[in-house]
């Protein structure tokens, strides 16, 4: 069988990730309390993490550099590595 994956999927790990995503909550105040510089990258074509979510997070951070990556999806570090490196 041909597969594009280098390693088989581990379903229990994926289910734990989904649980963590569903349980994650952070307030605007908690984001504003972050006192370190933050680089926030988002792929313009990410179908898992919407661009609007990244924009909202960036707007509540005190020292954020927010970059929208054209053509980038959720795996943008593999899709457009040269843009990410730049």
N, C-alpha and C. Protein backbone atom coordinates (compact mmCIF):
# COMPACT_ATOMS: atom_id res chain seq x y z
N UNK A 1 0.84 -1.18 0.00
CA UNK A 1 0.00 0.00 0.00
C UNK A 1 0.88 1.25 0.00
N UNK A 2 0.54 2.20 -0.83
CA UNK A 2 1.30 3.45 -0.93
C UNK A 2 0.73 4.46 0.05
N UNK A 3 1.62 5.16 0.74
CA UNK A 3 1.18 6.18 1.69
C UNK A 3 2.10 7.38 1.60
N UNK A 4 1.53 8.57 1.70
CA UNK A 4 2.32 9.79 1.74
C UNK A 4 2.89 10.04 3.13
N UNK A 5 2.40 9.31 4.11
CA UNK A 5 2.84 9.50 5.48
C UNK A 5 4.11 8.71 5.75
N UNK A 6 5.04 9.34 6.43
CA UNK A 6 6.27 8.64 6.80
C UNK A 6 6.04 7.73 7.99
N UNK A 7 5.07 8.09 8.83
CA UNK A 7 4.76 7.31 10.02
C UNK A 7 3.25 7.10 10.08
N UNK A 8 2.82 5.95 10.54
CA UNK A 8 1.37 5.72 10.62
C UNK A 8 0.71 6.67 11.63
N UNK A 9 -0.54 6.96 11.40
CA UNK A 9 -1.29 7.79 12.33
C UNK A 9 -1.49 7.04 13.64
N UNK A 10 -1.40 7.76 14.73
CA UNK A 10 -1.65 7.18 16.05
C UNK A 10 -2.96 7.77 16.54
N UNK A 11 -4.04 7.04 16.31
CA UNK A 11 -5.38 7.55 16.57
C UNK A 11 -5.56 8.04 18.01
N UNK A 12 -5.10 7.33 19.04
CA UNK A 12 -5.26 7.86 20.40
C UNK A 12 -4.62 9.24 20.58
N UNK A 13 -3.47 9.47 19.94
CA UNK A 13 -2.82 10.78 20.05
C UNK A 13 -3.65 11.85 19.36
N UNK A 14 -4.21 11.53 18.21
CA UNK A 14 -5.06 12.49 17.51
C UNK A 14 -6.29 12.82 18.34
N UNK A 15 -6.89 11.84 18.97
CA UNK A 15 -8.06 12.08 19.82
C UNK A 15 -7.70 12.95 21.02
N UNK A 16 -6.51 12.75 21.60
CA UNK A 16 -6.07 13.60 22.71
C UNK A 16 -5.86 15.04 22.23
N UNK A 17 -5.34 15.21 21.03
CA UNK A 17 -5.17 16.56 20.47
C UNK A 17 -6.53 17.23 20.32
N UNK A 18 -7.51 16.51 19.81
CA UNK A 18 -8.85 17.07 19.65
C UNK A 18 -9.44 17.46 21.01
N UNK A 19 -9.24 16.63 22.01
CA UNK A 19 -9.71 16.96 23.36
C UNK A 19 -9.05 18.24 23.87
N UNK A 20 -7.75 18.35 23.66
CA UNK A 20 -7.01 19.53 24.12
C UNK A 20 -7.50 20.79 23.41
N UNK A 21 -7.73 20.69 22.11
CA UNK A 21 -8.23 21.84 21.35
C UNK A 21 -9.58 22.27 21.87
N UNK A 22 -10.45 21.29 22.13
CA UNK A 22 -11.79 21.59 22.61
C UNK A 22 -11.81 22.20 24.00
N UNK A 23 -10.83 21.84 24.82
CA UNK A 23 -10.79 22.32 26.20
C UNK A 23 -10.02 23.62 26.36
N UNK A 24 -9.25 24.02 25.34
CA UNK A 24 -8.39 25.20 25.47
C UNK A 24 -9.21 26.47 25.51
N UNK A 25 -8.96 27.25 26.52
CA UNK A 25 -9.60 28.55 26.66
C UNK A 25 -8.56 29.53 27.17
N UNK A 26 -8.60 30.74 26.64
CA UNK A 26 -7.74 31.78 27.16
C UNK A 26 -8.49 33.10 27.04
N UNK A 27 -8.36 33.91 28.03
CA UNK A 27 -9.08 35.18 28.04
C UNK A 27 -8.26 36.28 27.37
N UNK A 28 -8.95 37.33 26.98
CA UNK A 28 -8.26 38.50 26.43
C UNK A 28 -7.26 39.04 27.45
N UNK A 29 -7.64 39.01 28.73
CA UNK A 29 -6.76 39.52 29.79
C UNK A 29 -5.51 38.66 29.91
N UNK A 30 -5.66 37.35 29.78
CA UNK A 30 -4.50 36.46 29.87
C UNK A 30 -3.54 36.72 28.70
N UNK A 31 -4.09 36.93 27.50
CA UNK A 31 -3.24 37.26 26.36
C UNK A 31 -2.51 38.59 26.59
N UNK A 32 -3.24 39.56 27.09
CA UNK A 32 -2.64 40.88 27.35
C UNK A 32 -1.56 40.80 28.42
N UNK A 33 -1.63 39.78 29.26
CA UNK A 33 -0.65 39.61 30.33
C UNK A 33 0.67 39.01 29.87
N UNK A 34 0.73 38.55 28.64
CA UNK A 34 1.98 37.99 28.12
C UNK A 34 2.95 39.14 27.86
N UNK A 35 4.08 39.11 28.52
CA UNK A 35 5.04 40.21 28.48
C UNK A 35 6.29 39.91 27.67
N UNK A 36 6.21 39.00 26.78
CA UNK A 36 7.34 38.63 25.91
C UNK A 36 6.95 38.89 24.46
N UNK A 37 7.92 39.14 23.60
CA UNK A 37 7.61 39.28 22.17
C UNK A 37 7.06 37.96 21.62
N UNK A 38 6.10 38.07 20.74
CA UNK A 38 5.47 36.89 20.15
C UNK A 38 5.48 37.03 18.63
N UNK A 39 5.91 35.98 17.95
CA UNK A 39 5.81 35.91 16.50
C UNK A 39 4.64 34.99 16.20
N UNK A 40 3.65 35.52 15.52
CA UNK A 40 2.44 34.76 15.21
C UNK A 40 2.34 34.62 13.70
N UNK A 41 2.51 33.40 13.21
CA UNK A 41 2.42 33.10 11.78
C UNK A 41 1.12 32.37 11.53
N UNK A 42 0.45 32.72 10.46
CA UNK A 42 -0.75 31.98 10.08
C UNK A 42 -0.80 31.85 8.57
N UNK A 43 -1.18 30.68 8.12
CA UNK A 43 -1.32 30.45 6.69
C UNK A 43 -2.66 30.98 6.21
N UNK A 44 -2.65 31.71 5.12
CA UNK A 44 -3.90 32.28 4.61
C UNK A 44 -4.90 31.22 4.16
N UNK A 45 -4.42 30.01 3.93
CA UNK A 45 -5.31 28.94 3.47
C UNK A 45 -5.42 27.81 4.49
N UNK A 46 -5.18 28.12 5.75
CA UNK A 46 -5.27 27.12 6.81
C UNK A 46 -6.74 26.79 7.06
N UNK A 47 -7.12 25.56 6.81
CA UNK A 47 -8.52 25.16 6.99
C UNK A 47 -8.79 24.63 8.40
N UNK A 48 -7.76 24.54 9.22
CA UNK A 48 -7.94 24.04 10.59
C UNK A 48 -7.94 25.19 11.59
N UNK A 49 -7.02 26.13 11.43
CA UNK A 49 -6.94 27.29 12.31
C UNK A 49 -7.26 28.53 11.48
N UNK A 50 -8.45 29.08 11.62
CA UNK A 50 -8.84 30.23 10.78
C UNK A 50 -7.95 31.45 10.99
N UNK A 51 -7.72 32.18 9.92
CA UNK A 51 -6.93 33.41 9.96
C UNK A 51 -7.52 34.38 10.99
N UNK A 52 -8.82 34.44 11.06
CA UNK A 52 -9.48 35.36 11.99
C UNK A 52 -9.11 35.07 13.44
N UNK A 53 -8.90 33.80 13.78
CA UNK A 53 -8.49 33.46 15.14
C UNK A 53 -7.11 34.03 15.45
N UNK A 54 -6.20 33.89 14.50
CA UNK A 54 -4.85 34.43 14.70
C UNK A 54 -4.89 35.95 14.81
N UNK A 55 -5.72 36.59 14.01
CA UNK A 55 -5.84 38.04 14.07
C UNK A 55 -6.37 38.48 15.43
N UNK A 56 -7.33 37.77 15.96
CA UNK A 56 -7.87 38.09 17.28
C UNK A 56 -6.81 37.94 18.36
N UNK A 57 -6.07 36.84 18.31
CA UNK A 57 -5.01 36.62 19.29
C UNK A 57 -3.97 37.74 19.19
N UNK A 58 -3.53 38.05 17.99
CA UNK A 58 -2.52 39.10 17.79
C UNK A 58 -3.00 40.44 18.32
N UNK A 59 -4.28 40.73 18.17
CA UNK A 59 -4.80 42.03 18.60
C UNK A 59 -4.79 42.19 20.12
N UNK A 60 -4.71 41.09 20.85
CA UNK A 60 -4.71 41.16 22.31
C UNK A 60 -3.33 41.04 22.93
N UNK A 61 -2.33 40.80 22.10
CA UNK A 61 -0.96 40.69 22.61
C UNK A 61 -0.29 42.06 22.58
N UNK A 62 0.53 42.33 23.59
CA UNK A 62 1.20 43.62 23.69
C UNK A 62 2.34 43.80 22.70
N UNK A 63 3.07 42.73 22.43
CA UNK A 63 4.26 42.83 21.60
C UNK A 63 4.25 41.68 20.59
N UNK A 64 3.35 41.77 19.61
CA UNK A 64 3.20 40.70 18.63
C UNK A 64 3.61 41.16 17.25
N UNK A 65 4.30 40.29 16.57
CA UNK A 65 4.53 40.47 15.14
C UNK A 65 3.68 39.41 14.47
N UNK A 66 2.72 39.87 13.69
CA UNK A 66 1.74 38.99 13.06
C UNK A 66 2.01 38.94 11.57
N UNK A 67 2.18 37.73 11.03
CA UNK A 67 2.48 37.55 9.62
C UNK A 67 1.50 36.54 9.03
N UNK A 68 0.81 36.97 7.97
CA UNK A 68 -0.04 36.07 7.19
C UNK A 68 0.80 35.54 6.04
N UNK A 69 0.84 34.22 5.92
CA UNK A 69 1.68 33.59 4.92
C UNK A 69 0.83 33.22 3.70
N UNK A 70 1.03 33.91 2.57
CA UNK A 70 0.27 33.59 1.37
C UNK A 70 0.52 32.16 0.91
N UNK A 71 -0.55 31.47 0.57
CA UNK A 71 -0.43 30.10 0.08
C UNK A 71 -0.20 29.07 1.17
N UNK A 72 -0.05 29.51 2.40
CA UNK A 72 0.22 28.58 3.50
C UNK A 72 -1.05 27.98 4.05
N UNK A 73 -1.01 26.69 4.26
CA UNK A 73 -2.10 25.99 4.93
C UNK A 73 -1.67 25.63 6.34
N UNK A 74 -2.31 24.63 6.92
CA UNK A 74 -1.98 24.24 8.28
C UNK A 74 -0.57 23.65 8.36
N UNK A 75 -0.08 23.10 7.27
CA UNK A 75 1.28 22.55 7.22
C UNK A 75 2.22 23.47 6.46
N UNK A 76 2.07 24.77 6.68
CA UNK A 76 2.81 25.75 5.88
C UNK A 76 4.32 25.60 6.00
N UNK A 77 4.82 25.07 7.09
CA UNK A 77 6.27 24.90 7.22
C UNK A 77 6.81 23.89 6.23
N UNK A 78 5.92 23.03 5.71
CA UNK A 78 6.30 22.07 4.68
C UNK A 78 5.89 22.55 3.29
N UNK A 79 4.81 23.32 3.23
CA UNK A 79 4.29 23.80 1.95
C UNK A 79 5.12 24.95 1.37
N UNK A 80 5.48 25.88 2.22
CA UNK A 80 6.20 27.06 1.76
C UNK A 80 7.39 27.34 2.69
N UNK A 81 8.34 26.41 2.80
CA UNK A 81 9.42 26.54 3.76
C UNK A 81 10.31 27.77 3.53
N UNK A 82 10.49 28.16 2.29
CA UNK A 82 11.33 29.33 2.02
C UNK A 82 10.69 30.61 2.57
N UNK A 83 9.36 30.72 2.43
CA UNK A 83 8.68 31.89 2.99
C UNK A 83 8.77 31.89 4.52
N UNK A 84 8.63 30.74 5.14
CA UNK A 84 8.70 30.64 6.59
C UNK A 84 10.11 31.02 7.05
N UNK A 85 11.12 30.51 6.37
CA UNK A 85 12.51 30.80 6.76
C UNK A 85 12.84 32.28 6.61
N UNK A 86 12.26 32.92 5.60
CA UNK A 86 12.54 34.34 5.38
C UNK A 86 11.96 35.17 6.51
